[in-house]
Amino acid sequence: MNLSEIEPKEIMPGYHGKLVHGERMSWVFWDVDQDAEVPEHQHDHEQIMHVVEGTFEFTLNGEKGTYAAGDIVVIPSNAPHSGKALTPCKLMDIFSPVREEYR
């Protein structure tokens, strides 16, 4: 498998993800449009977010931060979180267990 050969899916407006699923985890490579927002939500999945490029505003458990290339955020299971791309962004998310709804 090569990342360049994976077709992106627009999972939510402005969030174009290339999805890789293992037996117990999902890995998503996002291209995010500037100003695209993820409304506050929570899920049973543990999540780790990595900002590859751009500037991303992220709120976790009511605490807002601004993240840039190289930053990593660990999002515990069922923690409320939301985000907004302040610039065009490239993000990576890892989820465990698998995000079945992203297949």
C-alpha atoms as a PDB file:
ATOM      1  CA  MET A   1       0.000   0.000   0.000  1.00  0.00           C
ATOM      2  CA  ASN A   2       1.198   3.521  -0.748  1.00  0.00           C
ATOM      3  CA  LEU A   3      -0.378   6.673   0.672  1.00  0.00           C
ATOM      4  CA  SER A   4      -0.403   8.290  -2.775  1.00  0.00           C
ATOM      5  CA  GLU A   5      -2.694   5.513  -4.030  1.00  0.00           C
ATOM      6  CA  ILE A   6      -5.363   5.905  -1.317  1.00  0.00           C
ATOM      7  CA  GLU A   7      -8.404   7.908  -2.440  1.00  0.00           C
ATOM      8  CA  PRO A   8      -9.386  10.586   0.095  1.00  0.00           C
ATOM      9  CA  LYS A   9     -12.896  10.708   1.556  1.00  0.00           C
ATOM     10  CA  GLU A  10     -14.522  13.916   2.767  1.00  0.00           C
ATOM     11  CA  ILE A  11     -15.611  12.716   6.204  1.00  0.00           C
ATOM     12  CA  MET A  12     -17.020  16.120   7.172  1.00  0.00           C
ATOM     13  CA  PRO A  13     -17.003  19.451   5.311  1.00  0.00           C
ATOM     14  CA  GLY A  14     -13.421  20.490   4.630  1.00  0.00           C
ATOM     15  CA  TYR A  15     -11.844  17.335   6.117  1.00  0.00           C
ATOM     16  CA  HIS A  16     -10.434  15.069   3.398  1.00  0.00           C
ATOM     17  CA  GLY A  17      -8.998  11.889   4.887  1.00  0.00           C
ATOM     18  CA  LYS A  18      -6.925   9.036   3.539  1.00  0.00           C
ATOM     19  CA  LEU A  19      -7.897   6.138   5.775  1.00  0.00           C
ATOM     20  CA  VAL A  20      -5.889   3.094   6.807  1.00  0.00           C
ATOM     21  CA  HIS A  21      -7.518   0.466   9.028  1.00  0.00           C
ATOM     22  CA  GLY A  22      -5.818  -2.285  10.969  1.00  0.00           C
ATOM     23  CA  GLU A  23      -7.395  -4.898  13.167  1.00  0.00           C
ATOM     24  CA  ARG A  24      -7.508  -2.616  16.239  1.00  0.00           C
ATOM     25  CA  MET A  25      -6.798   0.905  15.024  1.00  0.00           C
ATOM     26  CA  SER A  26      -7.441   3.457  12.309  1.00  0.00           C
ATOM     27  CA  TRP A  27      -4.889   5.944  10.972  1.00  0.00           C
ATOM     28  CA  VAL A  28      -6.175   8.992   9.108  1.00  0.00           C
ATOM     29  CA  PHE A  29      -4.100  11.423   7.030  1.00  0.00           C
ATOM     30  CA  TRP A  30      -6.131  14.627   6.759  1.00  0.00           C
ATOM     31  CA  ASP A  31      -5.940  17.539   4.337  1.00  0.00           C
ATOM     32  CA  VAL A  32      -8.025  20.216   6.022  1.00  0.00           C
ATOM     33  CA  ASP A  33      -9.368  23.354   4.350  1.00  0.00           C
ATOM     34  CA  GLN A  34      -8.786  26.684   6.080  1.00  0.00           C
ATOM     35  CA  ASP A  35     -11.671  27.569   8.446  1.00  0.00           C
ATOM     36  CA  ALA A  36     -13.062  23.999   8.399  1.00  0.00           C
ATOM     37  CA  GLU A  37     -14.492  23.146  11.803  1.00  0.00           C
ATOM     38  CA  VAL A  38     -15.176  19.990  13.770  1.00  0.00           C
ATOM     39  CA  PRO A  39     -18.002  20.670  16.235  1.00  0.00           C
ATOM     40  CA  GLU A  40     -17.625  19.512  19.822  1.00  0.00           C
ATOM     41  CA  HIS A  41     -18.108  15.772  20.107  1.00  0.00           C
ATOM     42  CA  GLN A  42     -16.799  12.761  21.980  1.00  0.00           C
ATOM     43  CA  HIS A  43     -16.378   9.071  21.245  1.00  0.00           C
ATOM     44  CA  ASP A  44     -15.259   5.868  22.923  1.00  0.00           C
ATOM     45  CA  HIS A  45     -12.113   5.791  20.777  1.00  0.00           C
ATOM     46  CA  GLU A  46      -8.798   6.941  22.157  1.00  0.00           C
ATOM     47  CA  GLN A  47      -7.258   9.395  19.695  1.00  0.00           C
ATOM     48  CA  ILE A  48      -3.835  10.893  19.095  1.00  0.00           C
ATOM     49  CA  MET A  49      -3.648  13.941  16.818  1.00  0.00           C
ATOM     50  CA  HIS A  50      -0.454  15.154  15.158  1.00  0.00           C
ATOM     51  CA  VAL A  51      -0.219  18.473  13.310  1.00  0.00           C
ATOM     52  CA  VAL A  52       1.991  17.926  10.259  1.00  0.00           C
ATOM     53  CA  GLU A  53       1.505  21.359   8.626  1.00  0.00           C
ATOM     54  CA  GLY A  54      -0.488  24.489   9.358  1.00  0.00           C
ATOM     55  CA  THR A  55      -2.091  25.974  12.456  1.00  0.00           C
ATOM     56  CA  PHE A  56      -4.994  24.219  14.153  1.00  0.00           C
ATOM     57  CA  GLU A  57      -7.119  25.504  17.027  1.00  0.00           C
ATOM     58  CA  PHE A  58      -8.173  22.617  19.248  1.00  0.00           C
ATOM     59  CA  THR A  59     -10.316  22.510  22.374  1.00  0.00           C
ATOM     60  CA  LEU A  60     -10.087  19.513  24.715  1.00  0.00           C
ATOM     61  CA  ASN A  61     -12.220  19.327  27.867  1.00  0.00           C
ATOM     62  CA  GLY A  62     -12.985  23.050  27.538  1.00  0.00           C
ATOM     63  CA  GLU A  63      -9.311  24.112  27.243  1.00  0.00           C
ATOM     64  CA  LYS A  64      -8.491  25.832  23.945  1.00  0.00           C
ATOM     65  CA  GLY A  65      -5.018  25.742  22.433  1.00  0.00           C
ATOM     66  CA  THR A  66      -3.360  26.597  19.140  1.00  0.00           C
ATOM     67  CA  TYR A  67      -1.178  23.898  17.621  1.00  0.00           C
ATOM     68  CA  ALA A  68       1.380  23.978  14.815  1.00  0.00           C
ATOM     69  CA  ALA A  69       3.665  21.591  12.939  1.00  0.00           C
ATOM     70  CA  GLY A  70       5.106  18.948  15.236  1.00  0.00           C
ATOM     71  CA  ASP A  71       2.512  19.315  17.980  1.00  0.00           C
ATOM     72  CA  ILE A  72       0.762  16.220  19.335  1.00  0.00           C
ATOM     73  CA  VAL A  73      -2.436  16.017  21.402  1.00  0.00           C
ATOM     74  CA  VAL A  74      -3.580  12.872  23.230  1.00  0.00           C
ATOM     75  CA  ILE A  75      -7.378  12.718  23.441  1.00  0.00           C
ATOM     76  CA  PRO A  76      -8.700  10.250  26.023  1.00  0.00           C
ATOM     77  CA  SER A  77     -11.785   8.142  25.425  1.00  0.00           C
ATOM     78  CA  ASN A  78     -15.035  10.124  25.826  1.00  0.00           C
ATOM     79  CA  ALA A  79     -13.278  13.496  26.272  1.00  0.00           C
ATOM     80  CA  PRO A  80     -15.237  16.343  24.616  1.00  0.00           C
ATOM     81  CA  HIS A  81     -13.202  18.033  21.883  1.00  0.00           C
ATOM     82  CA  SER A  82     -13.542  20.301  18.838  1.00  0.00           C
ATOM     83  CA  GLY A  83     -11.273  22.011  16.352  1.00  0.00           C
ATOM     84  CA  LYS A  84     -10.838  24.566  13.595  1.00  0.00           C
ATOM     85  CA  ALA A  85      -8.170  24.915  10.914  1.00  0.00           C
ATOM     86  CA  LEU A  86      -6.798  28.459  11.171  1.00  0.00           C
ATOM     87  CA  THR A  87      -4.794  27.806   7.981  1.00  0.00           C
ATOM     88  CA  PRO A  88      -4.867  24.929   5.512  1.00  0.00           C
ATOM     89  CA  CYS A  89      -3.619  21.958   7.554  1.00  0.00           C
ATOM     90  CA  LYS A  90      -2.259  18.475   7.258  1.00  0.00           C
ATOM     91  CA  LEU A  91      -3.110  16.391  10.310  1.00  0.00           C
ATOM     92  CA  MET A  92      -2.720  12.756  11.286  1.00  0.00           C
ATOM     93  CA  ASP A  93      -5.108  11.022  13.673  1.00  0.00           C
ATOM     94  CA  ILE A  94      -4.770   7.583  15.182  1.00  0.00           C
ATOM     95  CA  PHE A  95      -7.862   5.991  16.702  1.00  0.00           C
ATOM     96  CA  SER A  96      -8.229   2.849  18.784  1.00  0.00           C
ATOM     97  CA  PRO A  97     -10.336   0.827  18.333  1.00  0.00           C
ATOM     98  CA  VAL A  98     -11.056   1.035  14.606  1.00  0.00           C
ATOM     99  CA  ARG A  99     -13.380   3.839  13.454  1.00  0.00           C
ATOM    100  CA  GLU A 100     -15.827   1.516  11.708  1.00  0.00           C
ATOM    101  CA  GLU A 101     -17.930   4.468  10.491  1.00  0.00           C
ATOM    102  CA  TYR A 102     -14.890   5.718   8.501  1.00  0.00           C
ATOM    103  CA  ARG A 103     -14.545   2.485   6.469  1.00  0.00           C
END
